[in-house]
Amino acid sequence: MYMRLVQMRIKSDAFLEMREFYEKEVIPDLQQFHGSRSAILIQNVQQANECLSMTVWDDQVSAERYGKSELFQKLLDEVKPYLTDSQEWKVQLSSELTLEYVPLVEEPVVRAFSIEAQKNGATYRQETLRMMFVRVVVPKIRQGMLNEFKQIYTDEVIPALYSVKGCLYAYLTEGGDENHEVLSVTIWNNRQDAQDYERSGKFDQLQEKLKHTFSDLYQWKMRLEEDAGTKVVTSEDLSVKSYQVVIGKSFT
């Protein structure tokens, strides 16, 4: 299977319109597109204006066909009125040779990932979908350690997640670019179950199994923390983001 994530920043006064657009336009159109398995709009808990459209596909061919389709371009054009203007500005000379500051409309960021390993729970019911919660963990992997990371995730992390109350789905995805970015995406029955999982220490235990595969900078951080006895933050620490499901549908 294959996953596409489209990151968008929504205007504060346009969120309800965006939700309605996704429900009435995006979901029905995607449901008719061959190879599409599901479409879910999720909202960042910490930054309410950030949303992700998370779609799952039968295979990479289907996902790429959609990405190049007139339908995808049409939906991109139709969603732009709901997006924030960029924080970046371009400077241009007007016909009167005076400076003008023109805001750039922020384009959605599209990222595609192959699903390397997965755990599927029971199929969710539509009436409980909006209670679901999504956690996205982004580790930075040491050069040459990607295969070992994936093996441990498949053999140990997924079975452990399978035993945790409320974990419905777990995906390990790998980006197709040269950086081979990986994401661990877990979908939970509700926010409480996801928070209980993190507070229980289980997340830290699973991280412990994998930490030797993390980047060289992360290895240095761990040595420094051990020597200095203090917490160190680096640019390559695990990124953990939490999202509430806004609207979505499974097509299978």
Protein backbone atom coordinates (compact mmCIF):
# COMPACT_ATOMS: atom_id res chain seq x y z
CA MET A 1 0.00 0.00 0.00
CA TYR A 2 0.93 3.64 -0.35
CA MET A 3 0.19 6.77 1.67
CA ARG A 4 -0.07 10.40 0.56
CA LEU A 5 0.02 13.28 3.03
CA VAL A 6 -1.01 16.76 1.90
CA GLN A 7 -0.09 19.39 4.49
CA MET A 8 -2.17 22.58 4.50
CA ARG A 9 -2.44 25.68 6.66
CA ILE A 10 -6.03 26.84 6.93
CA LYS A 11 -7.30 30.38 7.52
CA SER A 12 -8.72 30.69 11.02
CA ASP A 13 -12.13 31.78 9.74
CA ALA A 14 -12.33 29.15 7.00
CA PHE A 15 -11.97 25.90 8.92
CA LEU A 16 -15.68 24.94 8.85
CA GLU A 17 -15.81 25.67 5.12
CA MET A 18 -12.71 23.55 4.61
CA ARG A 19 -14.28 20.68 6.52
CA GLU A 20 -17.45 20.90 4.43
CA PHE A 21 -15.41 21.04 1.22
CA TYR A 22 -13.47 17.92 2.21
CA GLU A 23 -16.65 16.05 3.11
CA LYS A 24 -18.71 17.03 0.06
CA GLU A 25 -16.03 17.31 -2.62
CA VAL A 26 -12.78 15.56 -1.76
CA ILE A 27 -14.14 12.34 -0.24
CA PRO A 28 -16.72 11.59 -2.98
CA ASP A 29 -14.18 12.35 -5.75
CA LEU A 30 -11.50 10.16 -4.16
CA GLN A 31 -13.95 7.34 -3.56
CA GLN A 32 -14.50 7.14 -7.32
CA PHE A 33 -10.78 7.18 -8.15
CA HIS A 34 -9.41 3.69 -8.84
CA GLY A 35 -7.01 2.43 -6.17
CA SER A 36 -8.08 4.75 -3.37
CA ARG A 37 -8.68 3.04 -0.01
CA SER A 38 -9.43 5.90 2.37
CA ALA A 39 -9.33 9.67 2.84
CA ILE A 40 -9.10 11.38 6.23
CA LEU A 41 -8.70 15.05 7.15
CA ILE A 42 -6.82 15.49 10.44
CA GLN A 43 -6.09 18.64 12.47
CA ASN A 44 -2.92 19.32 14.48
CA VAL A 45 -3.76 19.47 18.19
CA GLN A 46 -0.95 21.93 18.96
CA GLN A 47 -1.37 24.12 15.84
CA ALA A 48 -5.04 24.25 14.91
CA ASN A 49 -4.45 25.88 11.52
CA GLU A 50 -2.35 22.92 10.29
CA CYS A 51 -4.26 20.07 8.67
CA LEU A 52 -3.22 16.95 6.81
CA SER A 53 -5.17 15.12 4.17
CA MET A 54 -4.12 11.49 4.69
CA THR A 55 -5.02 9.11 1.87
CA VAL A 56 -4.14 5.43 1.56
CA TRP A 57 -3.84 3.71 -1.82
CA ASP A 58 -3.61 0.16 -3.15
CA ASP A 59 -0.18 0.84 -4.64
CA GLN A 60 2.26 3.53 -5.72
CA VAL A 61 1.01 3.46 -9.32
CA SER A 62 -2.53 4.40 -8.28
CA ALA A 63 -1.29 7.15 -5.96
CA GLU A 64 0.99 8.66 -8.59
CA ARG A 65 -1.74 8.47 -11.22
CA TYR A 66 -3.95 10.51 -8.91
CA GLY A 67 -1.16 13.00 -8.17
CA LYS A 68 -0.81 13.69 -11.90
CA SER A 69 -4.54 13.73 -12.61
CA GLU A 70 -6.80 16.62 -13.56
CA LEU A 71 -8.91 15.73 -10.52
CA PHE A 72 -6.06 16.40 -8.09
CA GLN A 73 -5.26 19.72 -9.79
CA LYS A 74 -8.93 20.67 -9.68
CA LEU A 75 -9.15 19.96 -5.95
CA LEU A 76 -5.93 21.91 -5.33
CA ASP A 77 -7.35 24.92 -7.14
CA GLU A 78 -10.64 24.70 -5.26
CA VAL A 79 -8.99 24.44 -1.83
CA LYS A 80 -6.76 27.52 -2.23
CA PRO A 81 -9.36 30.07 -0.98
CA TYR A 82 -9.26 28.33 2.43
CA LEU A 83 -5.48 28.45 2.79
CA THR A 84 -3.47 31.11 4.60
CA ASP A 85 -1.24 33.53 2.80
CA SER A 86 2.44 32.72 3.09
CA GLN A 87 4.54 34.42 5.73
CA GLU A 88 7.09 35.05 3.00
CA TRP A 89 6.83 38.07 0.74
CA LYS A 90 8.15 38.84 -2.71
CA VAL A 91 9.21 42.35 -3.70
CA GLN A 92 8.38 43.70 -7.11
CA LEU A 93 8.40 47.07 -8.89
CA SER A 94 5.03 48.40 -9.95
CA SER A 95 4.48 50.20 -13.25
CA GLU A 96 5.14 53.42 -11.32
CA LEU A 97 8.48 51.99 -10.16
CA THR A 98 7.43 51.90 -6.51
CA LEU A 99 7.92 48.88 -4.28
CA GLU A 100 4.98 46.55 -3.75
CA TYR A 101 4.78 43.68 -1.22
CA VAL A 102 2.70 40.86 -2.62
CA PRO A 103 1.74 37.95 -0.30
CA LEU A 104 2.30 34.50 -1.74
CA VAL A 105 -0.50 32.00 -1.37
CA GLU A 106 0.93 29.02 0.50
CA GLU A 107 0.77 25.89 -1.62
CA PRO A 108 -0.14 22.57 0.01
CA VAL A 109 2.88 20.38 0.68
CA VAL A 110 2.48 16.89 -0.78
CA ARG A 111 4.52 13.98 0.57
CA ALA A 112 4.23 10.36 -0.54
CA PHE A 113 5.33 7.25 1.35
CA SER A 114 5.36 3.55 0.70
CA ILE A 115 3.93 1.53 3.58
CA GLU A 116 6.74 -0.76 4.72
CA ALA A 117 4.94 -2.43 7.62
CA GLN A 118 1.50 -2.20 9.09
CA LYS A 119 -0.84 -3.44 11.73
CA ASN A 120 -4.58 -3.17 11.11
CA GLY A 121 -7.14 -3.42 13.84
CA ALA A 122 -10.86 -3.86 13.42
CA THR A 123 -12.42 -1.78 10.67
CA TYR A 124 -13.67 1.45 12.16
CA ARG A 125 -17.32 2.50 12.11
CA GLN A 126 -18.26 5.81 10.49
CA GLU A 127 -20.09 7.02 13.58
CA THR A 128 -16.93 6.74 15.71
CA LEU A 129 -14.49 8.12 13.13
CA ARG A 130 -14.47 11.68 14.47
CA MET A 131 -13.33 10.50 17.89
CA MET A 132 -10.18 8.97 16.43
CA PHE A 133 -6.72 10.34 17.09
CA VAL A 134 -3.54 10.16 14.99
CA ARG A 135 0.08 10.26 16.17
CA VAL A 136 2.86 10.90 13.65
CA VAL A 137 6.43 10.17 14.82
CA VAL A 138 9.35 11.22 12.61
CA PRO A 139 12.74 9.70 13.57
CA LYS A 140 16.04 10.60 11.91
CA ILE A 141 17.78 7.35 10.95
CA ARG A 142 21.54 6.76 11.01
CA GLN A 143 23.16 6.10 7.66
CA GLY A 144 23.22 2.38 6.96
CA MET A 145 20.75 1.55 9.74
CA LEU A 146 17.44 1.90 7.87
CA ASN A 147 16.96 -1.82 7.22
CA GLU A 148 17.67 -2.66 10.86
CA PHE A 149 15.22 0.03 11.98
CA LYS A 150 12.50 -1.40 9.73
CA GLN A 151 13.20 -4.95 10.91
CA ILE A 152 12.88 -4.01 14.59
CA TYR A 153 9.75 -1.99 13.90
CA THR A 154 8.16 -4.92 12.08
CA ASP A 155 9.22 -7.65 14.52
CA GLU A 156 8.90 -5.82 17.85
CA VAL A 157 7.15 -2.46 17.63
CA ILE A 158 4.08 -3.52 15.67
CA PRO A 159 3.34 -6.56 17.90
CA ALA A 160 3.75 -4.31 20.95
CA LEU A 161 1.35 -1.75 19.51
CA TYR A 162 -1.08 -4.54 18.71
CA SER A 163 -1.36 -5.24 22.43
CA VAL A 164 -2.04 -1.64 23.43
CA LYS A 165 -5.63 -0.69 24.17
CA GLY A 166 -7.14 1.57 21.53
CA CYS A 167 -4.48 1.22 18.81
CA LEU A 168 -6.44 0.54 15.62
CA TYR A 169 -3.77 0.99 12.94
CA ALA A 170 0.01 1.29 12.85
CA TYR A 171 1.94 2.14 9.69
CA LEU A 172 5.65 2.46 9.07
CA THR A 173 6.11 4.50 5.92
CA GLU A 174 9.21 5.36 3.91
CA GLY A 175 9.55 8.34 1.61
CA GLY A 176 10.68 7.83 -1.93
CA ASP A 177 13.21 10.67 -1.95
CA GLU A 178 16.95 10.29 -1.48
CA ASN A 179 16.68 11.07 2.25
CA HIS A 180 14.46 7.99 2.85
CA GLU A 181 12.43 9.79 5.50
CA VAL A 182 10.37 7.41 7.59
CA LEU A 183 7.19 8.05 9.55
CA SER A 184 5.47 5.97 12.18
CA VAL A 185 1.74 6.68 11.89
CA THR A 186 -0.63 5.25 14.49
CA ILE A 187 -4.40 5.69 14.54
CA TRP A 188 -6.18 5.44 17.87
CA ASN A 189 -9.74 4.82 18.94
CA ASN A 190 -9.75 8.18 20.74
CA ARG A 191 -7.45 10.81 22.23
CA GLN A 192 -7.58 9.29 25.72
CA ASP A 193 -6.21 5.94 24.52
CA ALA A 194 -3.33 7.68 22.72
CA GLN A 195 -2.48 9.74 25.79
CA ASP A 196 -2.68 6.69 28.06
CA TYR A 197 -0.22 4.90 25.75
CA GLU A 198 2.33 7.70 26.01
CA ARG A 199 1.90 8.18 29.77
CA SER A 200 2.27 4.46 30.41
CA GLY A 201 5.93 4.54 29.38
CA LYS A 202 5.32 2.10 26.53
CA PHE A 203 6.34 4.67 23.93
CA ASP A 204 9.64 5.24 25.76
CA GLN A 205 10.23 1.47 25.95
CA LEU A 206 9.74 1.09 22.20
CA GLN A 207 11.97 4.08 21.53
CA GLU A 208 14.66 2.38 23.61
CA LYS A 209 14.62 -0.64 21.24
CA LEU A 210 15.24 1.64 18.26
CA LYS A 211 17.45 4.43 19.53
CA HIS A 212 20.72 2.84 18.39
CA THR A 213 19.49 3.27 14.80
CA PHE A 214 18.88 7.01 15.21
CA SER A 215 21.15 9.64 13.66
CA ASP A 216 24.74 10.39 14.67
CA LEU A 217 23.61 13.69 16.19
CA TYR A 218 21.09 11.81 18.31
CA GLN A 219 23.82 9.41 19.45
CA TRP A 220 25.93 12.40 20.49
CA LYS A 221 22.95 13.85 22.38
CA MET A 222 22.49 10.59 24.33
CA ARG A 223 26.19 10.50 25.31
CA LEU A 224 26.09 14.14 26.39
CA GLU A 225 22.94 13.59 28.45
CA GLU A 226 24.57 10.61 30.16
CA ASP A 227 27.79 12.51 30.92
CA ALA A 228 26.19 15.80 31.95
CA GLY A 229 23.07 14.40 33.58
CA THR A 230 20.91 16.99 31.88
CA LYS A 231 18.39 17.06 29.04
CA VAL A 232 19.70 18.07 25.60
CA VAL A 233 17.55 19.13 22.64
CA THR A 234 18.77 18.81 19.04
CA SER A 235 17.33 19.38 15.59
CA GLU A 236 17.23 15.61 15.06
CA ASP A 237 15.20 14.61 18.10
CA LEU A 238 12.09 12.55 17.49
CA SER A 239 9.31 14.73 16.14
CA VAL A 240 5.95 13.68 17.62
CA LYS A 241 2.77 15.35 16.39
CA SER A 242 -0.79 14.64 17.44
CA TYR A 243 -3.86 15.09 15.25
CA GLN A 244 -7.59 14.88 15.79
CA VAL A 245 -9.62 13.33 12.98
CA VAL A 246 -11.98 15.94 11.52
CA ILE A 247 -13.74 13.95 8.80
CA GLY A 248 -12.95 10.92 6.68
CA LYS A 249 -14.10 7.73 5.10
CA SER A 250 -12.81 4.23 4.38
CA PHE A 251 -13.64 3.00 0.87
CA THR A 252 -12.91 -0.68 1.46
